[in-house]
């Protein structure tokens, strides 16, 4: 199993470990646990893939192992759910792309209007700075920084929401559905996503500031 290139990690689960997991998942159903005669659960291997889309291909390949090299009673990966999940995720990606574009324009408009209001509120200070000979960038720089800070705040709020979903919702799903373990998202993906969100917040904040400064601050 480890020799298959699509597989990232293989975890062996003994009969004793399988029983511990079963009891933990059903700790609120003591009547069911008491009815278990001994330990009827088999030992198993839990397989983690590099790409979740390869799950069916890997399952078929493992199922073709010769009996002399492996004794496999059953392969489970939630076949009835996996294809539905991938179909839903494709539609979610399309919807998310449309929403991202809409939210980017909304964020640009919101930050631009916020900077415009800040310029209007400080118009007297701007006029005084002009009179004393302040350079254009000296006047623009505080508003530019304000836009970047607003973009970062928005990115941090998005990261907080994602962290809540990641550690609360997905953890509950993993305890309820065994096949979810084969669909775990790479931690590197989360790290790159967080970096992308922070970078996007800075860029959107900076662009919103530039738009406002060009339109409403003629210096």
C-alpha atoms as a PDB file:
ATOM      1  CA  UNK A   1       0.000   0.000   0.000  1.00  0.00           C
ATOM      2  CA  UNK A   2       2.798   2.432   0.867  1.00  0.00           C
ATOM      3  CA  UNK A   3       4.373   1.821  -2.548  1.00  0.00           C
ATOM      4  CA  UNK A   4       1.368   3.338  -4.349  1.00  0.00           C
ATOM      5  CA  UNK A   5       2.438   6.796  -5.488  1.00  0.00           C
ATOM      6  CA  UNK A   6      -0.957   8.411  -4.850  1.00  0.00           C
ATOM      7  CA  UNK A   7      -0.806   7.522  -1.149  1.00  0.00           C
ATOM      8  CA  UNK A   8       0.669   9.978   1.329  1.00  0.00           C
ATOM      9  CA  UNK A   9       0.406   8.037   4.583  1.00  0.00           C
ATOM     10  CA  UNK A  10      -0.795   4.689   5.911  1.00  0.00           C
ATOM     11  CA  UNK A  11      -1.882   4.160   9.512  1.00  0.00           C
ATOM     12  CA  UNK A  12      -2.348   0.697  11.034  1.00  0.00           C
ATOM     13  CA  UNK A  13      -5.289   0.326  13.429  1.00  0.00           C
ATOM     14  CA  UNK A  14      -5.224  -2.793  15.590  1.00  0.00           C
ATOM     15  CA  UNK A  15      -8.347  -4.570  16.844  1.00  0.00           C
ATOM     16  CA  UNK A  16      -7.851  -2.984  20.274  1.00  0.00           C
ATOM     17  CA  UNK A  17      -7.445   0.501  18.781  1.00  0.00           C
ATOM     18  CA  UNK A  18     -10.534  -0.012  16.597  1.00  0.00           C
ATOM     19  CA  UNK A  19     -12.570  -0.891  19.674  1.00  0.00           C
ATOM     20  CA  UNK A  20     -11.300   2.217  21.498  1.00  0.00           C
ATOM     21  CA  UNK A  21     -12.336   4.413  18.528  1.00  0.00           C
ATOM     22  CA  UNK A  22     -15.771   2.747  18.388  1.00  0.00           C
ATOM     23  CA  UNK A  23     -16.375   3.272  22.108  1.00  0.00           C
ATOM     24  CA  UNK A  24     -15.268   6.915  21.863  1.00  0.00           C
ATOM     25  CA  UNK A  25     -17.609   7.605  18.931  1.00  0.00           C
ATOM     26  CA  UNK A  26     -20.526   5.969  20.707  1.00  0.00           C
ATOM     27  CA  UNK A  27     -19.822   7.148  24.247  1.00  0.00           C
ATOM     28  CA  UNK A  28     -23.334   8.605  24.456  1.00  0.00           C
ATOM     29  CA  UNK A  29     -24.862   5.212  23.632  1.00  0.00           C
ATOM     30  CA  UNK A  30     -23.778   3.010  26.538  1.00  0.00           C
ATOM     31  CA  UNK A  31     -26.526   0.469  25.802  1.00  0.00           C
ATOM     32  CA  UNK A  32     -24.955  -0.289  22.431  1.00  0.00           C
ATOM     33  CA  UNK A  33     -21.462  -0.604  23.918  1.00  0.00           C
ATOM     34  CA  UNK A  34     -22.647  -3.079  26.575  1.00  0.00           C
ATOM     35  CA  UNK A  35     -24.172  -5.324  23.892  1.00  0.00           C
ATOM     36  CA  UNK A  36     -20.829  -5.813  22.088  1.00  0.00           C
ATOM     37  CA  UNK A  37     -19.621  -9.419  22.607  1.00  0.00           C
ATOM     38  CA  UNK A  38     -15.863  -9.135  23.126  1.00  0.00           C
ATOM     39  CA  UNK A  39     -14.161  -7.370  20.248  1.00  0.00           C
ATOM     40  CA  UNK A  40     -15.761  -8.144  16.855  1.00  0.00           C
ATOM     41  CA  UNK A  41     -13.916  -5.327  15.064  1.00  0.00           C
ATOM     42  CA  UNK A  42     -11.128  -6.246  12.614  1.00  0.00           C
ATOM     43  CA  UNK A  43      -7.686  -4.711  12.309  1.00  0.00           C
ATOM     44  CA  UNK A  44      -7.404  -2.238   9.447  1.00  0.00           C
ATOM     45  CA  UNK A  45      -5.241   0.241   7.583  1.00  0.00           C
ATOM     46  CA  UNK A  46      -6.329   3.861   7.327  1.00  0.00           C
ATOM     47  CA  UNK A  47      -5.029   5.393   4.097  1.00  0.00           C
ATOM     48  CA  UNK A  48      -4.426   9.110   3.472  1.00  0.00           C
ATOM     49  CA  UNK A  49      -4.163  10.283  -0.132  1.00  0.00           C
ATOM     50  CA  UNK A  50      -2.187  13.085  -1.715  1.00  0.00           C
ATOM     51  CA  UNK A  51      -5.210  13.948  -3.857  1.00  0.00           C
ATOM     52  CA  UNK A  52      -8.705  12.928  -2.641  1.00  0.00           C
ATOM     53  CA  UNK A  53      -9.859  12.540  -6.262  1.00  0.00           C
ATOM     54  CA  UNK A  54      -7.687   9.403  -6.516  1.00  0.00           C
ATOM     55  CA  UNK A  55      -9.643   7.557  -3.826  1.00  0.00           C
ATOM     56  CA  UNK A  56     -11.595   5.264  -6.186  1.00  0.00           C
ATOM     57  CA  UNK A  57      -8.551   4.473  -8.318  1.00  0.00           C
ATOM     58  CA  UNK A  58      -6.473   3.592  -5.254  1.00  0.00           C
ATOM     59  CA  UNK A  59      -9.277   1.446  -3.807  1.00  0.00           C
ATOM     60  CA  UNK A  60      -9.501  -0.563  -7.043  1.00  0.00           C
ATOM     61  CA  UNK A  61      -5.741  -1.006  -7.142  1.00  0.00           C
ATOM     62  CA  UNK A  62      -5.600  -2.240  -3.552  1.00  0.00           C
ATOM     63  CA  UNK A  63      -8.503  -4.572  -4.250  1.00  0.00           C
ATOM     64  CA  UNK A  64      -6.458  -6.206  -7.043  1.00  0.00           C
ATOM     65  CA  UNK A  65      -3.623  -7.181  -4.696  1.00  0.00           C
ATOM     66  CA  UNK A  66      -2.858 -10.921  -5.044  1.00  0.00           C
ATOM     67  CA  UNK A  67      -4.087 -13.070  -2.152  1.00  0.00           C
ATOM     68  CA  UNK A  68      -0.557 -14.343  -1.493  1.00  0.00           C
ATOM     69  CA  UNK A  69       0.722 -10.839  -0.688  1.00  0.00           C
ATOM     70  CA  UNK A  70      -2.301  -9.473   1.182  1.00  0.00           C
ATOM     71  CA  UNK A  71      -5.443 -10.689   2.874  1.00  0.00           C
ATOM     72  CA  UNK A  72      -8.067  -7.966   2.510  1.00  0.00           C
ATOM     73  CA  UNK A  73     -11.608  -8.582   3.683  1.00  0.00           C
ATOM     74  CA  UNK A  74     -13.144  -5.215   2.827  1.00  0.00           C
ATOM     75  CA  UNK A  75     -12.288  -1.759   1.473  1.00  0.00           C
ATOM     76  CA  UNK A  76     -14.350   1.189   2.660  1.00  0.00           C
ATOM     77  CA  UNK A  77     -14.061   4.758   1.452  1.00  0.00           C
ATOM     78  CA  UNK A  78     -17.654   5.958   1.383  1.00  0.00           C
ATOM     79  CA  UNK A  79     -18.151   5.291  -2.330  1.00  0.00           C
ATOM     80  CA  UNK A  80     -21.792   6.375  -2.172  1.00  0.00           C
ATOM     81  CA  UNK A  81     -20.715   9.753  -0.744  1.00  0.00           C
ATOM     82  CA  UNK A  82     -17.398  10.523  -2.442  1.00  0.00           C
ATOM     83  CA  UNK A  83     -18.694  11.174  -5.974  1.00  0.00           C
ATOM     84  CA  UNK A  84     -21.536  13.288  -4.600  1.00  0.00           C
ATOM     85  CA  UNK A  85     -19.051  15.298  -2.539  1.00  0.00           C
ATOM     86  CA  UNK A  86     -16.829  15.957  -5.568  1.00  0.00           C
ATOM     87  CA  UNK A  87     -19.843  17.013  -7.666  1.00  0.00           C
ATOM     88  CA  UNK A  88     -20.978  19.389  -4.932  1.00  0.00           C
ATOM     89  CA  UNK A  89     -17.457  20.799  -4.500  1.00  0.00           C
ATOM     90  CA  UNK A  90     -17.221  21.564  -8.228  1.00  0.00           C
ATOM     91  CA  UNK A  91     -20.403  23.630  -8.018  1.00  0.00           C
ATOM     92  CA  UNK A  92     -19.214  25.206  -4.783  1.00  0.00           C
ATOM     93  CA  UNK A  93     -15.952  26.257  -6.476  1.00  0.00           C
ATOM     94  CA  UNK A  94     -17.915  27.955  -9.266  1.00  0.00           C
ATOM     95  CA  UNK A  95     -20.250  29.686  -6.814  1.00  0.00           C
ATOM     96  CA  UNK A  96     -17.291  30.640  -4.622  1.00  0.00           C
ATOM     97  CA  UNK A  97     -15.463  32.159  -7.614  1.00  0.00           C
ATOM     98  CA  UNK A  98     -18.468  34.346  -8.434  1.00  0.00           C
ATOM     99  CA  UNK A  99     -18.798  35.332  -4.780  1.00  0.00           C
ATOM    100  CA  UNK A 100     -15.081  36.109  -4.503  1.00  0.00           C
ATOM    101  CA  UNK A 101     -15.253  38.455  -7.496  1.00  0.00           C
ATOM    102  CA  UNK A 102     -18.342  40.149  -6.058  1.00  0.00           C
ATOM    103  CA  UNK A 103     -16.771  40.460  -2.601  1.00  0.00           C
ATOM    104  CA  UNK A 104     -13.538  41.880  -4.020  1.00  0.00           C
ATOM    105  CA  UNK A 105     -15.446  44.664  -5.769  1.00  0.00           C
ATOM    106  CA  UNK A 106     -17.559  45.205  -2.643  1.00  0.00           C
ATOM    107  CA  UNK A 107     -14.435  45.420  -0.476  1.00  0.00           C
ATOM    108  CA  UNK A 108     -12.805  47.852  -2.891  1.00  0.00           C
ATOM    109  CA  UNK A 109     -15.917  50.059  -2.878  1.00  0.00           C
ATOM    110  CA  UNK A 110     -16.208  49.886   0.926  1.00  0.00           C
ATOM    111  CA  UNK A 111     -12.556  50.727   1.566  1.00  0.00           C
ATOM    112  CA  UNK A 112     -12.617  53.441  -1.088  1.00  0.00           C
ATOM    113  CA  UNK A 113     -15.682  55.074   0.488  1.00  0.00           C
ATOM    114  CA  UNK A 114     -14.150  54.793   3.968  1.00  0.00           C
ATOM    115  CA  UNK A 115     -10.989  56.545   2.794  1.00  0.00           C
ATOM    116  CA  UNK A 116     -13.118  59.161   1.019  1.00  0.00           C
ATOM    117  CA  UNK A 117     -14.937  59.897   4.276  1.00  0.00           C
ATOM    118  CA  UNK A 118     -11.602  60.073   6.107  1.00  0.00           C
ATOM    119  CA  UNK A 119     -10.309  62.549   3.533  1.00  0.00           C
ATOM    120  CA  UNK A 120     -13.444  64.661   3.885  1.00  0.00           C
ATOM    121  CA  UNK A 121     -13.228  64.585   7.707  1.00  0.00           C
ATOM    122  CA  UNK A 122      -9.590  65.738   7.567  1.00  0.00           C
ATOM    123  CA  UNK A 123      -9.930  68.223   4.736  1.00  0.00           C
ATOM    124  CA  UNK A 124      -8.807  71.102   6.960  1.00  0.00           C
ATOM    125  CA  UNK A 125      -5.658  69.239   8.015  1.00  0.00           C
ATOM    126  CA  UNK A 126      -4.950  68.416   4.350  1.00  0.00           C
ATOM    127  CA  UNK A 127      -5.356  72.074   3.398  1.00  0.00           C
ATOM    128  CA  UNK A 128      -2.977  73.169   6.179  1.00  0.00           C
ATOM    129  CA  UNK A 129      -0.370  70.587   5.090  1.00  0.00           C
ATOM    130  CA  UNK A 130      -0.588  71.913   1.536  1.00  0.00           C
ATOM    131  CA  UNK A 131      -0.052  75.473   2.745  1.00  0.00           C
ATOM    132  CA  UNK A 132       3.077  74.544   4.701  1.00  0.00           C
ATOM    133  CA  UNK A 133       4.554  72.780   1.674  1.00  0.00           C
ATOM    134  CA  UNK A 134       3.975  69.089   2.486  1.00  0.00           C
ATOM    135  CA  UNK A 135       4.666  66.749  -0.428  1.00  0.00           C
ATOM    136  CA  UNK A 136       1.871  64.831  -2.126  1.00  0.00           C
ATOM    137  CA  UNK A 137       2.978  61.475  -0.728  1.00  0.00           C
ATOM    138  CA  UNK A 138       3.352  62.912   2.763  1.00  0.00           C
ATOM    139  CA  UNK A 139      -0.343  63.815   2.609  1.00  0.00           C
ATOM    140  CA  UNK A 140      -1.436  60.570   0.957  1.00  0.00           C
ATOM    141  CA  UNK A 141       0.593  58.135   3.087  1.00  0.00           C
ATOM    142  CA  UNK A 142      -1.650  58.079   6.233  1.00  0.00           C
ATOM    143  CA  UNK A 143      -4.737  57.343   4.115  1.00  0.00           C
ATOM    144  CA  UNK A 144      -2.845  54.642   2.213  1.00  0.00           C
ATOM    145  CA  UNK A 145      -1.811  52.973   5.484  1.00  0.00           C
ATOM    146  CA  UNK A 146      -5.386  53.213   6.768  1.00  0.00           C
ATOM    147  CA  UNK A 147      -6.661  51.303   3.726  1.00  0.00           C
ATOM    148  CA  UNK A 148      -4.062  48.552   4.215  1.00  0.00           C
ATOM    149  CA  UNK A 149      -4.985  48.222   7.907  1.00  0.00           C
ATOM    150  CA  UNK A 150      -8.672  47.896   7.001  1.00  0.00           C
ATOM    151  CA  UNK A 151      -7.818  45.173   4.476  1.00  0.00           C
ATOM    152  CA  UNK A 152      -5.761  43.318   7.091  1.00  0.00           C
ATOM    153  CA  UNK A 153      -8.605  43.514   9.612  1.00  0.00           C
ATOM    154  CA  UNK A 154     -10.956  42.002   7.028  1.00  0.00           C
ATOM    155  CA  UNK A 155      -8.434  39.230   6.296  1.00  0.00           C
ATOM    156  CA  UNK A 156      -8.032  38.452  10.012  1.00  0.00           C
ATOM    157  CA  UNK A 157     -11.804  38.202  10.406  1.00  0.00           C
ATOM    158  CA  UNK A 158     -11.929  35.768   7.472  1.00  0.00           C
ATOM    159  CA  UNK A 159      -9.098  33.712   9.003  1.00  0.00           C
ATOM    160  CA  UNK A 160     -10.944  33.572  12.336  1.00  0.00           C
ATOM    161  CA  UNK A 161     -14.076  32.311  10.581  1.00  0.00           C
ATOM    162  CA  UNK A 162     -12.105  29.671   8.674  1.00  0.00           C
ATOM    163  CA  UNK A 163     -10.362  28.532  11.859  1.00  0.00           C
ATOM    164  CA  UNK A 164     -13.738  28.101  13.556  1.00  0.00           C
ATOM    165  CA  UNK A 165     -15.050  26.001  10.668  1.00  0.00           C
ATOM    166  CA  UNK A 166     -11.826  23.992  10.452  1.00  0.00           C
ATOM    167  CA  UNK A 167     -11.532  23.068  14.109  1.00  0.00           C
ATOM    168  CA  UNK A 168     -15.192  22.827  15.098  1.00  0.00           C
ATOM    169  CA  UNK A 169     -17.267  21.705  12.114  1.00  0.00           C
ATOM    170  CA  UNK A 170     -14.769  19.399  10.380  1.00  0.00           C
ATOM    171  CA  UNK A 171     -13.680  17.774  13.627  1.00  0.00           C
ATOM    172  CA  UNK A 172     -17.301  16.836  14.323  1.00  0.00           C
ATOM    173  CA  UNK A 173     -17.731  15.456  10.810  1.00  0.00           C
ATOM    174  CA  UNK A 174     -14.593  13.335  11.133  1.00  0.00           C
ATOM    175  CA  UNK A 175     -15.906  11.702  14.299  1.00  0.00           C
ATOM    176  CA  UNK A 176     -19.233  10.897  12.647  1.00  0.00           C
ATOM    177  CA  UNK A 177     -18.060   9.721   9.210  1.00  0.00           C
ATOM    178  CA  UNK A 178     -15.090   7.371   9.034  1.00  0.00           C
ATOM    179  CA  UNK A 179     -14.443   7.961   5.327  1.00  0.00           C
ATOM    180  CA  UNK A 180     -13.747  11.651   6.000  1.00  0.00           C
ATOM    181  CA  UNK A 181     -10.298  10.640   7.230  1.00  0.00           C
ATOM    182  CA  UNK A 182      -9.369   9.822   3.632  1.00  0.00           C
ATOM    183  CA  UNK A 183     -10.396  13.332   2.563  1.00  0.00           C
ATOM    184  CA  UNK A 184      -8.316  15.328   5.018  1.00  0.00           C
ATOM    185  CA  UNK A 185      -6.960  18.591   3.690  1.00  0.00           C
ATOM    186  CA  UNK A 186      -3.205  19.020   3.673  1.00  0.00           C
ATOM    187  CA  UNK A 187      -2.000  21.411   6.431  1.00  0.00           C
ATOM    188  CA  UNK A 188       0.227  23.082   3.809  1.00  0.00           C
ATOM    189  CA  UNK A 189      -2.960  24.035   1.946  1.00  0.00           C
ATOM    190  CA  UNK A 190      -4.295  25.789   5.054  1.00  0.00           C
ATOM    191  CA  UNK A 191      -1.002  27.604   5.566  1.00  0.00           C
ATOM    192  CA  UNK A 192      -0.952  28.793   1.943  1.00  0.00           C
ATOM    193  CA  UNK A 193      -4.603  29.816   2.216  1.00  0.00           C
ATOM    194  CA  UNK A 194      -3.922  31.940   5.299  1.00  0.00           C
ATOM    195  CA  UNK A 195      -0.951  33.607   3.585  1.00  0.00           C
ATOM    196  CA  UNK A 196      -3.102  34.239   0.509  1.00  0.00           C
ATOM    197  CA  UNK A 197      -5.861  35.801   2.613  1.00  0.00           C
ATOM    198  CA  UNK A 198      -3.427  38.135   4.376  1.00  0.00           C
ATOM    199  CA  UNK A 199      -1.819  39.105   1.070  1.00  0.00           C
ATOM    200  CA  UNK A 200      -5.210  39.661  -0.561  1.00  0.00           C
ATOM    201  CA  UNK A 201      -6.287  41.850   2.353  1.00  0.00           C
ATOM    202  CA  UNK A 202      -3.201  44.035   1.972  1.00  0.00           C
ATOM    203  CA  UNK A 203      -3.597  44.284  -1.829  1.00  0.00           C
ATOM    204  CA  UNK A 204      -7.332  45.051  -1.721  1.00  0.00           C
ATOM    205  CA  UNK A 205      -6.806  47.620   1.039  1.00  0.00           C
ATOM    206  CA  UNK A 206      -4.017  49.279  -0.928  1.00  0.00           C
ATOM    207  CA  UNK A 207      -6.058  49.340  -4.168  1.00  0.00           C
ATOM    208  CA  UNK A 208      -9.085  50.781  -2.379  1.00  0.00           C
ATOM    209  CA  UNK A 209      -6.888  53.514  -0.940  1.00  0.00           C
ATOM    210  CA  UNK A 210      -5.326  54.304  -4.318  1.00  0.00           C
ATOM    211  CA  UNK A 211      -8.768  54.566  -5.965  1.00  0.00           C
ATOM    212  CA  UNK A 212     -10.015  56.928  -3.258  1.00  0.00           C
ATOM    213  CA  UNK A 213      -6.855  59.041  -3.272  1.00  0.00           C
ATOM    214  CA  UNK A 214      -6.901  59.482  -7.050  1.00  0.00           C
ATOM    215  CA  UNK A 215     -10.571  60.423  -7.111  1.00  0.00           C
ATOM    216  CA  UNK A 216     -10.981  62.509  -3.975  1.00  0.00           C
ATOM    217  CA  UNK A 217      -7.566  63.825  -3.024  1.00  0.00           C
ATOM    218  CA  UNK A 218      -6.221  66.017  -5.809  1.00  0.00           C
ATOM    219  CA  UNK A 219      -2.637  66.492  -4.666  1.00  0.00           C
END
